[in-house]
C-alpha cells in the first residue's frame, strides 16, 4: 500500500469528527461546490474520503475513489446509494463519462500532478468540467499550526500551488482553465463578522486573493468534428433597407445553413421586404417569424426556438457587425477556442459615429464589472453577435429560471447562463461599422438603468449567492 493510503487509513476513524469540528467551514465549502455543480449530474470525486462532499452534491450517479481502503469502507456504509472504489485513478476501469470530476485538495497531495491530470481524459467528454479545490499558499503556516493544535486533519505533505501553477499544469495536459474563484476568508463562525467577510468581502477583487480555499474550473480541449450545420438568427425592427444586404453578404461557410428573420412589429415595411427577398431567393433556406413579444431578447429566444441546426448565431440587422465576419465566429466555436463566442467592438478603431462617446465609456465600464461578475474576461457585453452550440443553448434555456426572464437584450441571458454552466466565453474582435439605414433602437438612459439592473442580478446570483 502506498504512503498516502497508509496515512489516511490511520486517519479514517477521525475523518468525520474533523468535519463536525469544523462544521462552519465545511458548510461554506459545500455551498460553493453546489454553486458550481448542479444536482442530478454524473460526478466522479478523486480523493473522496468518507464521501461527505459527494453525497452533499446529490448526483444522479456518484463515484468516489480513494487510496485509503478504510475511508472507502466508511464511505460505502454511510452512502450506500453511491459507488466507492479503493485504488489509484489509473486503475479505475469504466467506460463512463462524467459531467463533473472533483479534485478536492487532491493536487496538493499528488506526487505526479501531470500524470494525474492526463489520466482524467479517459473519463471526459467535451462538456465535462474538472473542479479543482486547493489551499491558498498564503495560509501555509496557519494551516500547519491548525494541524498541530488538532483543528485540522494532518496531511502527509502538501504541494503549495498558486493559480498560475495550476493553469500551467492544465495547459501541459490539454486542459484549459474556464474560471477561478475563491471562498472563505474566516473559516470559523464569528456572528455577523464571518457572514460579511465570507459572503461579500471574499468575492471582491484583491481581498479575494487572501481567501483560504480556491477553485479552478477547467475543461478538456479535445477537438470536435468541424462539419456542423448553422442557423443564423436576425432580429429586425424597422430595418427594411438592410434586409437584402444581409441576405447577399452572409457567406456560405457550412454544409447546411439557414437564416431566420424574426421581425419585431416594424413600421417601415420590414416584414413585407423580407417576404419579397425570400420570394426572390427560393434556393436559400430562409424563414420569417413575427416575434410574439417585444425587445431583442424576445426575438432571439423565438429565433433560437425555431432553429433546427447545430450552431446558433445572432446577427443584428443593422449590419454594424459585418456578415462577412460570421465564418470567424464559426471557426472559433468548432475549433474549441470557446463555447460562447462573444463579439467585441472595443478592440479595433470604429468608423466615425459608429458609437457615441458616452456609449463607449459605459460599455468599457460595464465590461470591467461583468468580467469580475462572470469570472471570465468579457470586454463587450452588448455586441449583438454571439455564437454557441444549440445543445449548450438548450442547457442555458433549461436553467433560465435561475436568473429569471428579465433580460430585454438577449445578451445577458446567454452570458449569465454560460457562466452558470461554466462554459468558456471567448471574445472575438470585430470592426464596428456605422449603420447605413435607419436609426438605433437603443435608448441610452433607459437601457443604461437596465444594465445596472443586470449587474445587480448577476451580483446576487453569481457572486454573492
Foldseek 3Di string as FASTA:
>chain_A
DDPQQVLVLVVLVCVVVLCVLLVQLVVQVLVVVCLQAPAAWEEEEEQCFLPPSQVSRNYVAYEYEHQHPSRQVNNCVVCVRYHYYHDALLPDDDQAATQEYEHEQVCFQDPDNLVNLLSNVSRHDQNHKYKYKHWAVVCVVVVVVCVVVVNDPDGPGTDHDDPVRVQVSCVVNQKHWQFKAAFALDSHDDPPVRLCCGLPVCLDPPSVSNGTMMITMMGGQDADDLAWEEEEEEEDAQLLVQQLVLVVQQDDDHPHYAYEYAYEPHDNCNQVSNVVSCVVCVVGRYHYHHFPDDFQQSSQVVRLVPDDIFKYKYDYSLCLFPSNCVVVQSVCCNSPVFAKEAEDQPPDDADPPLDDPVRNVLQQVLQVLVCSLLRHRDRGQQDGIMMHTSVLVVQLVVCQPLLDPLDRHNSLSVSLSCSSSSTRYHYDYTHGYHGPDDDDPDDVPVVSVSSVVSSVSSCVRRRSD
